């Protein structure tokens, strides 16, 4: 059972916490992590890009010039792909990029991501993350004290608009809730900053 120190927002150690072996001490499966990240990124794509083929471009019904005798190459339409204002050959069309993953594989990927953060020493447990009002400076000072200035993921047990909005305009910092964690956000962050209450919520939801 991994033991991690608990710090306050000033970075001072205030205790330790025993983490669940199931979630934070699992074997890291890199193949499943890769599949989960790929599925997440693919599922962000809207797939709405579209171009017009020669049959969809307006005009071009008349043959530009007669077939033979002009000395020029034969042409059947001014909307052929080689013409200016012509259609697009082999261009993108709307498609679905969705990739499915079953629940068991998703769970293995999440366990692997969380365990990787613990193994690398990038998991920071804070006893309580709280901001009195909309104060970006408070969150900036907290991250600086925790050594998490660059690309940090802050995990809360429930929505706290003061914390969320205070961190919203800090470059590289993202906030999320314990029950909506995804593998991509975990791996994309250099530091995984999670409150003690959010750890309990994680173990309740995913253990």
N, C-alpha and C. Protein backbone atom coordinates (compact mmCIF):
# COMPACT_ATOMS: atom_id res chain seq x y z
N UNK A 1 0.85 -1.20 0.00
CA UNK A 1 0.00 0.00 0.00
C UNK A 1 0.88 1.25 0.00
N UNK A 2 0.87 2.05 -1.08
CA UNK A 2 1.74 3.24 -1.15
C UNK A 2 1.37 4.27 -0.10
N UNK A 3 2.39 4.83 0.53
CA UNK A 3 2.19 5.91 1.49
C UNK A 3 2.75 7.20 0.90
N UNK A 4 1.96 8.25 0.93
CA UNK A 4 2.36 9.54 0.36
C UNK A 4 2.18 10.61 1.42
N UNK A 5 3.11 11.55 1.45
CA UNK A 5 2.97 12.62 2.44
C UNK A 5 1.86 13.58 2.01
N UNK A 6 1.23 14.16 3.03
CA UNK A 6 0.18 15.15 2.80
C UNK A 6 0.73 16.52 3.17
N UNK A 7 0.53 17.50 2.30
CA UNK A 7 1.05 18.85 2.55
C UNK A 7 -0.12 19.83 2.56
N UNK A 8 0.15 21.01 3.10
CA UNK A 8 -0.86 22.06 3.03
C UNK A 8 -0.58 22.95 1.81
N UNK A 9 -1.38 23.98 1.62
CA UNK A 9 -1.23 24.82 0.43
C UNK A 9 0.06 25.61 0.43
N UNK A 10 0.72 25.68 1.58
CA UNK A 10 2.01 26.37 1.66
C UNK A 10 3.18 25.43 1.40
N UNK A 11 2.88 24.13 1.21
CA UNK A 11 3.92 23.16 0.91
C UNK A 11 4.50 22.47 2.12
N UNK A 12 4.00 22.79 3.31
CA UNK A 12 4.51 22.18 4.55
C UNK A 12 3.83 20.84 4.79
N UNK A 13 4.63 19.84 5.19
CA UNK A 13 4.09 18.50 5.43
C UNK A 13 3.24 18.50 6.69
N UNK A 14 2.04 17.92 6.58
CA UNK A 14 1.13 17.89 7.73
C UNK A 14 0.73 16.46 8.10
N UNK A 15 1.26 15.47 7.37
CA UNK A 15 0.93 14.08 7.68
C UNK A 15 1.19 13.18 6.49
N UNK A 16 0.68 11.96 6.57
CA UNK A 16 0.82 11.01 5.46
C UNK A 16 -0.55 10.36 5.21
N UNK A 17 -0.66 9.73 4.06
CA UNK A 17 -1.90 9.04 3.70
C UNK A 17 -1.56 7.74 3.01
N UNK A 18 -2.28 6.68 3.37
CA UNK A 18 -2.10 5.37 2.74
C UNK A 18 -3.06 5.28 1.55
N UNK A 19 -2.49 5.03 0.38
CA UNK A 19 -3.30 4.96 -0.84
C UNK A 19 -3.69 3.53 -1.16
N UNK A 20 -4.77 3.39 -1.87
CA UNK A 20 -5.27 2.06 -2.25
C UNK A 20 -4.31 1.38 -3.22
N UNK A 21 -3.97 0.13 -2.92
CA UNK A 21 -3.12 -0.64 -3.83
C UNK A 21 -3.79 -0.86 -5.18
N UNK A 22 -5.09 -1.02 -5.17
CA UNK A 22 -5.83 -1.32 -6.40
C UNK A 22 -5.68 -0.18 -7.40
N UNK A 23 -5.80 1.06 -6.91
CA UNK A 23 -5.79 2.23 -7.80
C UNK A 23 -4.39 2.79 -7.99
N UNK A 24 -3.64 2.93 -6.91
CA UNK A 24 -2.37 3.65 -6.97
C UNK A 24 -1.14 2.74 -6.94
N UNK A 25 -1.38 1.42 -6.83
CA UNK A 25 -0.23 0.51 -6.78
C UNK A 25 -0.31 -0.56 -7.84
N UNK A 26 -1.04 -0.28 -8.91
CA UNK A 26 -1.22 -1.28 -9.97
C UNK A 26 -0.01 -1.31 -10.90
N UNK A 27 0.11 -2.42 -11.63
CA UNK A 27 1.17 -2.54 -12.63
C UNK A 27 0.81 -1.64 -13.81
N UNK A 28 1.80 -0.88 -14.28
CA UNK A 28 1.55 0.07 -15.38
C UNK A 28 1.54 -0.68 -16.71
N UNK A 29 0.42 -0.62 -17.39
CA UNK A 29 0.25 -1.28 -18.69
C UNK A 29 0.35 -0.22 -19.78
N UNK A 30 1.52 -0.11 -20.40
CA UNK A 30 1.76 0.95 -21.38
C UNK A 30 0.91 0.79 -22.64
N UNK A 31 0.64 -0.44 -23.03
CA UNK A 31 -0.17 -0.67 -24.24
C UNK A 31 -1.59 -0.15 -24.04
N UNK A 32 -2.14 -0.40 -22.86
CA UNK A 32 -3.49 0.06 -22.57
C UNK A 32 -3.51 1.58 -22.43
N UNK A 33 -2.46 2.16 -21.85
CA UNK A 33 -2.37 3.62 -21.75
C UNK A 33 -2.36 4.26 -23.14
N UNK A 34 -1.60 3.66 -24.03
CA UNK A 34 -1.54 4.18 -25.41
C UNK A 34 -2.92 4.11 -26.07
N UNK A 35 -3.59 2.99 -25.88
CA UNK A 35 -4.92 2.83 -26.48
C UNK A 35 -5.91 3.84 -25.91
N UNK A 36 -5.82 4.10 -24.60
CA UNK A 36 -6.74 5.04 -23.96
C UNK A 36 -6.51 6.47 -24.43
N UNK A 37 -5.25 6.85 -24.55
CA UNK A 37 -4.93 8.21 -25.02
C UNK A 37 -5.36 8.37 -26.48
N UNK A 38 -5.10 7.37 -27.28
CA UNK A 38 -5.51 7.43 -28.69
C UNK A 38 -7.02 7.55 -28.81
N UNK A 39 -7.75 6.76 -28.03
CA UNK A 39 -9.21 6.80 -28.08
C UNK A 39 -9.72 8.17 -27.64
N UNK A 40 -9.12 8.74 -26.60
CA UNK A 40 -9.54 10.05 -26.12
C UNK A 40 -9.35 11.11 -27.19
N UNK A 41 -8.17 11.13 -27.81
CA UNK A 41 -7.88 12.15 -28.82
C UNK A 41 -8.74 11.96 -30.07
N UNK A 42 -8.94 10.72 -30.48
CA UNK A 42 -9.80 10.46 -31.64
C UNK A 42 -11.23 10.91 -31.37
N UNK A 43 -11.70 10.70 -30.15
CA UNK A 43 -13.08 11.04 -29.83
C UNK A 43 -13.30 12.54 -29.67
N UNK A 44 -12.20 13.33 -29.62
CA UNK A 44 -12.34 14.78 -29.60
C UNK A 44 -12.59 15.34 -31.00
N UNK A 45 -12.31 14.55 -32.02
CA UNK A 45 -12.45 15.04 -33.40
C UNK A 45 -13.92 15.09 -33.80
N UNK A 46 -14.32 16.21 -34.39
CA UNK A 46 -15.71 16.35 -34.80
C UNK A 46 -15.98 15.63 -36.10
N UNK A 47 -14.99 15.55 -36.97
CA UNK A 47 -15.17 14.87 -38.25
C UNK A 47 -16.14 15.58 -39.18
N UNK A 48 -16.22 16.92 -39.07
CA UNK A 48 -17.17 17.67 -39.90
C UNK A 48 -16.50 18.31 -41.12
N UNK A 49 -15.20 18.09 -41.30
CA UNK A 49 -14.53 18.72 -42.44
C UNK A 49 -15.07 18.16 -43.75
N UNK A 50 -15.22 19.02 -44.75
CA UNK A 50 -15.82 18.57 -46.00
C UNK A 50 -15.35 19.43 -47.15
N UNK A 51 -15.11 18.81 -48.30
CA UNK A 51 -14.77 19.53 -49.52
C UNK A 51 -15.74 19.10 -50.62
N UNK A 52 -15.81 19.91 -51.68
CA UNK A 52 -16.71 19.61 -52.80
C UNK A 52 -15.96 18.87 -53.89
N UNK A 53 -16.53 17.79 -54.37
CA UNK A 53 -15.97 17.09 -55.52
C UNK A 53 -16.42 17.80 -56.80
N UNK A 54 -15.92 17.32 -57.95
CA UNK A 54 -16.26 17.99 -59.21
C UNK A 54 -17.76 17.92 -59.52
N UNK A 55 -18.42 16.91 -59.00
CA UNK A 55 -19.86 16.79 -59.25
C UNK A 55 -20.68 17.70 -58.35
N UNK A 56 -20.05 18.23 -57.29
CA UNK A 56 -20.78 19.07 -56.34
C UNK A 56 -20.55 20.56 -56.54
N UNK A 57 -19.51 20.91 -57.31
CA UNK A 57 -19.21 22.32 -57.55
C UNK A 57 -20.19 22.87 -58.59
N UNK A 58 -20.67 24.09 -58.33
CA UNK A 58 -21.64 24.70 -59.25
C UNK A 58 -20.98 25.04 -60.58
N UNK A 59 -21.69 24.79 -61.66
CA UNK A 59 -21.19 25.13 -63.00
C UNK A 59 -20.44 23.99 -63.65
N UNK A 60 -19.78 24.31 -64.78
CA UNK A 60 -18.94 23.31 -65.45
C UNK A 60 -19.69 22.36 -66.35
N UNK A 61 -20.96 22.67 -66.64
CA UNK A 61 -21.72 21.74 -67.46
C UNK A 61 -21.35 21.78 -68.94
N UNK A 62 -20.81 22.89 -69.37
CA UNK A 62 -20.46 23.03 -70.79
C UNK A 62 -19.03 22.61 -71.04
N UNK A 63 -18.80 21.90 -72.14
CA UNK A 63 -17.44 21.51 -72.52
C UNK A 63 -16.67 22.78 -72.92
N UNK A 64 -15.50 23.01 -72.33
CA UNK A 64 -14.79 24.28 -72.57
C UNK A 64 -14.45 24.54 -74.05
N UNK A 65 -13.99 23.52 -74.72
CA UNK A 65 -13.71 23.62 -76.15
C UNK A 65 -13.86 22.26 -76.80
N UNK A 66 -13.88 22.24 -78.11
CA UNK A 66 -14.12 20.99 -78.80
C UNK A 66 -13.02 19.99 -78.51
N UNK A 67 -13.33 18.72 -78.72
CA UNK A 67 -12.43 17.63 -78.34
C UNK A 67 -11.11 17.67 -79.10
N UNK A 68 -11.20 17.89 -80.40
CA UNK A 68 -9.99 17.77 -81.22
C UNK A 68 -9.77 19.02 -82.06
N UNK A 69 -8.51 19.21 -82.44
CA UNK A 69 -8.20 20.24 -83.42
C UNK A 69 -7.74 21.56 -82.84
N UNK A 70 -7.78 21.74 -81.52
CA UNK A 70 -7.37 23.04 -80.96
C UNK A 70 -5.89 23.04 -80.58
N UNK A 71 -5.29 21.89 -80.47
CA UNK A 71 -3.90 21.80 -80.02
C UNK A 71 -3.77 21.78 -78.50
N UNK A 72 -4.86 21.97 -77.83
CA UNK A 72 -4.83 21.94 -76.37
C UNK A 72 -5.29 20.58 -75.85
N UNK A 73 -5.01 20.34 -74.59
CA UNK A 73 -5.44 19.07 -74.00
C UNK A 73 -6.96 19.00 -73.95
N UNK A 74 -7.49 17.80 -74.11
CA UNK A 74 -8.94 17.63 -74.07
C UNK A 74 -9.48 17.92 -72.66
N UNK A 75 -10.58 18.62 -72.63
CA UNK A 75 -11.22 18.99 -71.36
C UNK A 75 -12.72 18.77 -71.49
N UNK A 76 -13.31 18.26 -70.42
CA UNK A 76 -14.75 18.01 -70.46
C UNK A 76 -15.53 18.96 -69.57
N UNK A 77 -14.83 19.60 -68.61
CA UNK A 77 -15.53 20.47 -67.68
C UNK A 77 -14.54 21.45 -67.04
N UNK A 78 -15.02 22.66 -66.78
CA UNK A 78 -14.16 23.64 -66.09
C UNK A 78 -14.17 23.42 -64.58
N UNK A 79 -14.85 22.37 -64.13
CA UNK A 79 -14.88 22.07 -62.70
C UNK A 79 -14.07 20.81 -62.37
N UNK A 80 -13.24 20.37 -63.31
CA UNK A 80 -12.32 19.26 -63.04
C UNK A 80 -11.29 19.72 -62.01
N UNK A 81 -10.69 18.82 -61.22
CA UNK A 81 -9.78 19.20 -60.14
C UNK A 81 -8.59 20.06 -60.58
N UNK A 82 -8.12 19.92 -61.83
CA UNK A 82 -6.94 20.69 -62.24
C UNK A 82 -7.27 22.14 -62.58
N UNK A 83 -8.55 22.48 -62.62
CA UNK A 83 -8.97 23.84 -62.95
C UNK A 83 -9.12 24.68 -61.68
N UNK A 84 -8.80 25.99 -61.82
CA UNK A 84 -9.12 26.93 -60.75
C UNK A 84 -10.64 26.95 -60.57
N UNK A 85 -11.08 26.94 -59.35
CA UNK A 85 -12.50 26.86 -59.00
C UNK A 85 -13.09 25.49 -59.30
N UNK A 86 -12.23 24.51 -59.58
CA UNK A 86 -12.72 23.16 -59.82
C UNK A 86 -12.93 22.41 -58.51
N UNK A 87 -13.42 21.19 -58.61
CA UNK A 87 -13.64 20.38 -57.42
C UNK A 87 -12.33 19.89 -56.82
N UNK A 88 -12.42 19.32 -55.63
CA UNK A 88 -11.26 18.78 -54.93
C UNK A 88 -11.22 17.27 -55.13
N UNK A 89 -10.05 16.79 -55.58
CA UNK A 89 -9.89 15.35 -55.76
C UNK A 89 -9.45 14.70 -54.45
N UNK A 90 -10.15 13.69 -54.02
CA UNK A 90 -9.79 12.91 -52.83
C UNK A 90 -9.71 13.77 -51.56
N UNK A 91 -10.56 14.80 -51.48
CA UNK A 91 -10.57 15.65 -50.29
C UNK A 91 -11.33 15.02 -49.14
N UNK A 92 -11.25 15.62 -47.96
CA UNK A 92 -11.94 15.05 -46.79
C UNK A 92 -13.45 15.18 -46.88
N UNK A 93 -14.12 14.23 -46.33
CA UNK A 93 -15.58 14.22 -46.24
C UNK A 93 -15.97 13.93 -44.79
N UNK A 94 -17.15 14.33 -44.35
CA UNK A 94 -17.56 14.04 -42.96
C UNK A 94 -17.45 12.56 -42.64
N UNK A 95 -16.86 12.27 -41.47
CA UNK A 95 -16.72 10.89 -41.05
C UNK A 95 -16.70 10.82 -39.52
N UNK A 96 -16.91 9.64 -39.01
CA UNK A 96 -16.94 9.43 -37.56
C UNK A 96 -15.61 8.82 -37.13
N UNK A 97 -14.91 9.53 -36.24
CA UNK A 97 -13.61 9.06 -35.76
C UNK A 97 -13.72 8.30 -34.44
N UNK A 98 -14.94 8.07 -33.98
CA UNK A 98 -15.14 7.51 -32.64
C UNK A 98 -14.46 6.15 -32.47
N UNK A 99 -13.79 6.00 -31.33
CA UNK A 99 -13.14 4.74 -30.96
C UNK A 99 -13.72 4.27 -29.64
N UNK A 100 -14.18 3.04 -29.60
CA UNK A 100 -14.78 2.49 -28.39
C UNK A 100 -13.73 1.78 -27.54
N UNK A 101 -13.89 1.89 -26.22
CA UNK A 101 -13.10 1.09 -25.28
C UNK A 101 -14.07 0.52 -24.25
N UNK A 102 -13.89 -0.74 -23.91
CA UNK A 102 -14.79 -1.32 -22.92
C UNK A 102 -14.43 -0.82 -21.51
N UNK A 103 -15.36 -0.99 -20.60
CA UNK A 103 -15.20 -0.42 -19.26
C UNK A 103 -13.99 -0.99 -18.52
N UNK A 104 -13.76 -2.28 -18.70
CA UNK A 104 -12.64 -2.92 -18.00
C UNK A 104 -11.31 -2.34 -18.46
N UNK A 105 -11.17 -2.14 -19.78
CA UNK A 105 -9.94 -1.59 -20.32
C UNK A 105 -9.74 -0.15 -19.85
N UNK A 106 -10.82 0.63 -19.82
CA UNK A 106 -10.75 2.01 -19.33
C UNK A 106 -10.27 2.04 -17.88
N UNK A 107 -10.79 1.11 -17.08
CA UNK A 107 -10.42 1.07 -15.67
C UNK A 107 -8.94 0.71 -15.51
N UNK A 108 -8.46 -0.26 -16.30
CA UNK A 108 -7.04 -0.64 -16.26
C UNK A 108 -6.17 0.54 -16.64
N UNK A 109 -6.58 1.30 -17.66
CA UNK A 109 -5.83 2.46 -18.11
C UNK A 109 -5.76 3.53 -17.03
N UNK A 110 -6.88 3.76 -16.35
CA UNK A 110 -6.91 4.75 -15.27
C UNK A 110 -6.01 4.34 -14.12
N UNK A 111 -6.09 3.07 -13.74
CA UNK A 111 -5.22 2.58 -12.67
C UNK A 111 -3.74 2.73 -13.06
N UNK A 112 -3.43 2.41 -14.29
CA UNK A 112 -2.04 2.50 -14.77
C UNK A 112 -1.55 3.95 -14.73
N UNK A 113 -2.40 4.88 -15.16
CA UNK A 113 -2.01 6.29 -15.18
C UNK A 113 -1.77 6.82 -13.77
N UNK A 114 -2.67 6.50 -12.85
CA UNK A 114 -2.52 6.96 -11.47
C UNK A 114 -1.31 6.33 -10.80
N UNK A 115 -1.12 5.04 -11.05
CA UNK A 115 0.03 4.34 -10.46
C UNK A 115 1.34 4.88 -11.01
N UNK A 116 1.35 5.25 -12.28
CA UNK A 116 2.57 5.81 -12.90
C UNK A 116 2.93 7.14 -12.24
N UNK A 117 1.92 7.94 -11.92
CA UNK A 117 2.18 9.22 -11.27
C UNK A 117 2.76 9.02 -9.87
N UNK A 118 2.22 8.03 -9.15
CA UNK A 118 2.74 7.75 -7.81
C UNK A 118 4.18 7.25 -7.90
N UNK A 119 4.44 6.34 -8.84
CA UNK A 119 5.78 5.77 -8.99
C UNK A 119 6.81 6.83 -9.37
N UNK A 120 6.37 7.82 -10.15
CA UNK A 120 7.30 8.87 -10.59
C UNK A 120 7.43 9.99 -9.57
N UNK A 121 6.66 9.94 -8.50
CA UNK A 121 6.71 10.98 -7.48
C UNK A 121 6.02 12.27 -7.90
N UNK A 122 5.11 12.17 -8.85
CA UNK A 122 4.42 13.36 -9.37
C UNK A 122 3.04 13.56 -8.76
N UNK A 123 2.66 12.72 -7.80
CA UNK A 123 1.37 12.88 -7.12
C UNK A 123 1.59 13.72 -5.86
N UNK A 124 0.87 14.82 -5.77
CA UNK A 124 0.96 15.70 -4.60
C UNK A 124 -0.42 15.75 -3.92
N UNK A 125 -0.47 15.28 -2.68
CA UNK A 125 -1.72 15.28 -1.93
C UNK A 125 -1.74 16.49 -1.00
N UNK A 126 -2.78 17.31 -1.15
CA UNK A 126 -2.94 18.51 -0.33
C UNK A 126 -4.10 18.28 0.63
N UNK A 127 -3.91 18.67 1.88
CA UNK A 127 -4.95 18.40 2.88
C UNK A 127 -6.27 19.07 2.51
N UNK A 128 -6.19 20.30 2.01
CA UNK A 128 -7.40 21.00 1.57
C UNK A 128 -7.02 22.08 0.56
N UNK A 129 -7.75 22.09 -0.57
CA UNK A 129 -7.52 23.14 -1.58
C UNK A 129 -8.72 24.08 -1.50
N UNK A 130 -8.46 25.28 -0.99
CA UNK A 130 -9.55 26.22 -0.77
C UNK A 130 -9.07 27.64 -1.06
N UNK A 131 -9.94 28.40 -1.73
CA UNK A 131 -9.63 29.79 -2.06
C UNK A 131 -10.79 30.65 -1.58
N UNK A 132 -10.45 31.75 -0.90
CA UNK A 132 -11.48 32.69 -0.44
C UNK A 132 -11.71 33.74 -1.51
N UNK A 133 -12.65 33.48 -2.38
CA UNK A 133 -12.93 34.41 -3.47
C UNK A 133 -12.17 34.03 -4.73
N UNK A 134 -12.33 34.84 -5.77
CA UNK A 134 -11.67 34.57 -7.04
C UNK A 134 -10.27 35.20 -7.00
N UNK A 135 -9.30 34.41 -6.58
CA UNK A 135 -7.93 34.92 -6.39
C UNK A 135 -6.93 34.01 -7.09
N UNK A 136 -6.56 34.40 -8.30
CA UNK A 136 -5.59 33.61 -9.06
C UNK A 136 -4.25 33.54 -8.34
N UNK A 137 -3.88 34.63 -7.69
CA UNK A 137 -2.58 34.69 -7.02
C UNK A 137 -2.46 33.61 -5.95
N UNK A 138 -3.56 33.31 -5.27
CA UNK A 138 -3.54 32.27 -4.22
C UNK A 138 -3.19 30.91 -4.82
N UNK A 139 -3.80 30.59 -5.98
CA UNK A 139 -3.51 29.31 -6.64
C UNK A 139 -2.10 29.29 -7.18
N UNK A 140 -1.65 30.42 -7.74
CA UNK A 140 -0.28 30.51 -8.26
C UNK A 140 0.72 30.26 -7.14
N UNK A 141 0.50 30.89 -5.99
CA UNK A 141 1.41 30.72 -4.85
C UNK A 141 1.39 29.28 -4.34
N UNK A 142 0.20 28.65 -4.35
CA UNK A 142 0.10 27.26 -3.92
C UNK A 142 0.92 26.35 -4.84
N UNK A 143 0.74 26.51 -6.15
CA UNK A 143 1.47 25.67 -7.11
C UNK A 143 2.98 25.90 -7.01
N UNK A 144 3.36 27.14 -6.78
CA UNK A 144 4.80 27.44 -6.63
C UNK A 144 5.36 26.76 -5.39
N UNK A 145 4.60 26.80 -4.29
CA UNK A 145 5.05 26.16 -3.05
C UNK A 145 5.12 24.64 -3.19
N UNK A 146 4.25 24.08 -4.04
CA UNK A 146 4.23 22.63 -4.24
C UNK A 146 5.20 22.17 -5.32
N UNK A 147 5.84 23.11 -6.00
CA UNK A 147 6.74 22.75 -7.09
C UNK A 147 6.00 22.25 -8.31
N UNK A 148 4.80 22.83 -8.53
CA UNK A 148 3.96 22.37 -9.65
C UNK A 148 3.57 23.55 -10.55
N UNK A 149 4.56 24.41 -10.84
CA UNK A 149 4.24 25.60 -11.64
C UNK A 149 3.87 25.26 -13.07
N UNK A 150 4.47 24.20 -13.62
CA UNK A 150 4.26 23.87 -15.02
C UNK A 150 3.29 22.70 -15.20
N UNK A 151 2.27 22.88 -15.99
CA UNK A 151 1.34 21.83 -16.39
C UNK A 151 0.87 20.97 -15.20
N UNK A 152 0.01 21.55 -14.42
CA UNK A 152 -0.52 20.85 -13.24
C UNK A 152 -2.00 20.53 -13.44
N UNK A 153 -2.40 19.37 -12.95
CA UNK A 153 -3.81 18.98 -12.94
C UNK A 153 -4.28 19.00 -11.50
N UNK A 154 -5.24 19.89 -11.21
CA UNK A 154 -5.78 20.01 -9.85
C UNK A 154 -7.09 19.22 -9.78
N UNK A 155 -7.16 18.28 -8.85
CA UNK A 155 -8.33 17.41 -8.73
C UNK A 155 -9.09 17.75 -7.45
N UNK A 156 -10.38 18.05 -7.63
CA UNK A 156 -11.24 18.42 -6.51
C UNK A 156 -12.30 17.35 -6.29
N UNK A 157 -12.80 17.22 -5.05
CA UNK A 157 -13.85 16.21 -4.80
C UNK A 157 -15.20 16.65 -5.36
N UNK A 158 -15.43 17.95 -5.43
CA UNK A 158 -16.69 18.49 -5.96
C UNK A 158 -16.42 19.88 -6.52
N UNK A 159 -17.38 20.42 -7.23
CA UNK A 159 -17.19 21.71 -7.88
C UNK A 159 -16.99 22.82 -6.85
N UNK A 160 -15.90 23.57 -7.00
CA UNK A 160 -15.62 24.75 -6.19
C UNK A 160 -15.32 25.88 -7.17
N UNK A 161 -16.29 26.73 -7.42
CA UNK A 161 -16.14 27.75 -8.45
C UNK A 161 -14.99 28.71 -8.16
N UNK A 162 -14.71 28.95 -6.87
CA UNK A 162 -13.60 29.84 -6.53
C UNK A 162 -12.27 29.26 -7.01
N UNK A 163 -12.06 27.97 -6.74
CA UNK A 163 -10.81 27.33 -7.17
C UNK A 163 -10.75 27.20 -8.69
N UNK A 164 -11.86 26.76 -9.28
CA UNK A 164 -11.89 26.53 -10.74
C UNK A 164 -11.60 27.82 -11.49
N UNK A 165 -12.28 28.89 -11.12
CA UNK A 165 -12.11 30.15 -11.85
C UNK A 165 -10.80 30.84 -11.51
N UNK A 166 -10.29 30.62 -10.31
CA UNK A 166 -9.01 31.20 -9.93
C UNK A 166 -7.86 30.57 -10.71
N UNK A 167 -8.04 29.28 -11.08
CA UNK A 167 -6.99 28.57 -11.81
C UNK A 167 -7.18 28.61 -13.32
N UNK A 168 -8.33 29.13 -13.75
CA UNK A 168 -8.71 29.02 -15.17
C UNK A 168 -7.75 29.73 -16.11
N UNK A 169 -7.19 30.88 -15.69
CA UNK A 169 -6.34 31.63 -16.61
C UNK A 169 -4.85 31.47 -16.33
N UNK A 170 -4.50 30.40 -15.61
CA UNK A 170 -3.07 30.10 -15.40
C UNK A 170 -2.64 29.14 -16.50
N UNK A 171 -1.67 29.51 -17.33
CA UNK A 171 -1.25 28.65 -18.44
C UNK A 171 -0.79 27.27 -17.96
N UNK A 172 -1.32 26.23 -18.59
CA UNK A 172 -0.89 24.87 -18.29
C UNK A 172 -1.59 24.24 -17.11
N UNK A 173 -2.46 24.98 -16.43
CA UNK A 173 -3.15 24.45 -15.24
C UNK A 173 -4.60 24.11 -15.60
N UNK A 174 -5.02 22.94 -15.17
CA UNK A 174 -6.39 22.51 -15.43
C UNK A 174 -6.98 21.94 -14.15
N UNK A 175 -8.28 22.18 -13.94
CA UNK A 175 -8.96 21.60 -12.79
C UNK A 175 -9.99 20.58 -13.28
N UNK A 176 -10.20 19.56 -12.47
CA UNK A 176 -11.18 18.54 -12.80
C UNK A 176 -11.73 17.95 -11.52
N UNK A 177 -12.75 17.12 -11.64
CA UNK A 177 -13.35 16.47 -10.48
C UNK A 177 -12.89 15.03 -10.40
N UNK A 178 -12.89 14.48 -9.20
CA UNK A 178 -12.38 13.13 -8.98
C UNK A 178 -13.13 12.09 -9.82
N UNK A 179 -14.45 12.25 -9.94
CA UNK A 179 -15.23 11.22 -10.63
C UNK A 179 -15.24 11.41 -12.15
N UNK A 180 -14.61 12.48 -12.66
CA UNK A 180 -14.58 12.69 -14.11
C UNK A 180 -13.15 12.63 -14.67
N UNK A 181 -12.25 12.05 -13.91
CA UNK A 181 -10.85 11.96 -14.36
C UNK A 181 -10.75 11.17 -15.66
N UNK A 182 -9.81 11.58 -16.52
CA UNK A 182 -9.52 10.77 -17.69
C UNK A 182 -8.01 10.60 -17.83
N UNK A 183 -7.63 9.54 -18.50
CA UNK A 183 -6.21 9.14 -18.60
C UNK A 183 -5.37 10.22 -19.28
N UNK A 184 -5.91 10.83 -20.33
CA UNK A 184 -5.13 11.82 -21.07
C UNK A 184 -4.72 12.99 -20.18
N UNK A 185 -5.67 13.53 -19.41
CA UNK A 185 -5.36 14.67 -18.54
C UNK A 185 -4.32 14.30 -17.49
N UNK A 186 -4.40 13.09 -16.96
CA UNK A 186 -3.43 12.65 -15.95
C UNK A 186 -2.03 12.59 -16.53
N UNK A 187 -1.90 11.95 -17.69
CA UNK A 187 -0.58 11.80 -18.30
C UNK A 187 -0.05 13.10 -18.87
N UNK A 188 -0.94 13.98 -19.28
CA UNK A 188 -0.53 15.23 -19.90
C UNK A 188 0.02 16.24 -18.89
N UNK A 189 -0.33 16.04 -17.61
CA UNK A 189 0.12 16.96 -16.56
C UNK A 189 1.47 16.51 -16.00
N UNK A 190 2.32 17.49 -15.71
CA UNK A 190 3.60 17.16 -15.07
C UNK A 190 3.40 16.81 -13.60
N UNK A 191 2.47 17.51 -12.96
CA UNK A 191 2.18 17.27 -11.55
C UNK A 191 0.69 17.03 -11.37
N UNK A 192 0.38 16.06 -10.52
CA UNK A 192 -1.01 15.66 -10.27
C UNK A 192 -1.33 16.10 -8.85
N UNK A 193 -1.99 17.26 -8.72
CA UNK A 193 -2.28 17.86 -7.41
C UNK A 193 -3.71 17.49 -7.02
N UNK A 194 -3.85 16.75 -5.96
CA UNK A 194 -5.18 16.24 -5.57
C UNK A 194 -5.40 16.48 -4.08
N UNK A 195 -6.61 16.92 -3.75
CA UNK A 195 -6.92 17.15 -2.34
C UNK A 195 -7.17 15.82 -1.63
N UNK A 196 -7.04 15.83 -0.31
CA UNK A 196 -7.22 14.62 0.47
C UNK A 196 -8.65 14.08 0.31
N UNK A 197 -9.62 14.99 0.24
CA UNK A 197 -11.01 14.58 0.06
C UNK A 197 -11.22 13.96 -1.32
N UNK A 198 -10.48 14.46 -2.31
CA UNK A 198 -10.59 13.91 -3.67
C UNK A 198 -10.00 12.51 -3.75
N UNK A 199 -8.97 12.23 -2.94
CA UNK A 199 -8.41 10.87 -2.88
C UNK A 199 -9.47 9.90 -2.37
N UNK A 200 -10.17 10.31 -1.32
CA UNK A 200 -11.25 9.46 -0.77
C UNK A 200 -12.34 9.25 -1.81
N UNK A 201 -12.65 10.29 -2.56
CA UNK A 201 -13.67 10.18 -3.60
C UNK A 201 -13.22 9.26 -4.72
N UNK A 202 -11.95 9.37 -5.11
CA UNK A 202 -11.38 8.48 -6.14
C UNK A 202 -11.49 7.03 -5.71
N UNK A 203 -11.11 6.74 -4.49
CA UNK A 203 -11.14 5.35 -4.01
C UNK A 203 -12.57 4.86 -3.88
N UNK A 204 -13.47 5.75 -3.55
CA UNK A 204 -14.89 5.36 -3.44
C UNK A 204 -15.47 5.03 -4.81
N UNK A 205 -15.12 5.83 -5.83
CA UNK A 205 -15.72 5.67 -7.16
C UNK A 205 -15.05 4.55 -7.95
N UNK A 206 -13.72 4.46 -7.90
CA UNK A 206 -13.00 3.59 -8.81
C UNK A 206 -12.43 2.32 -8.18
N UNK A 207 -12.37 2.23 -6.85
CA UNK A 207 -11.77 1.05 -6.24
C UNK A 207 -12.64 -0.19 -6.47
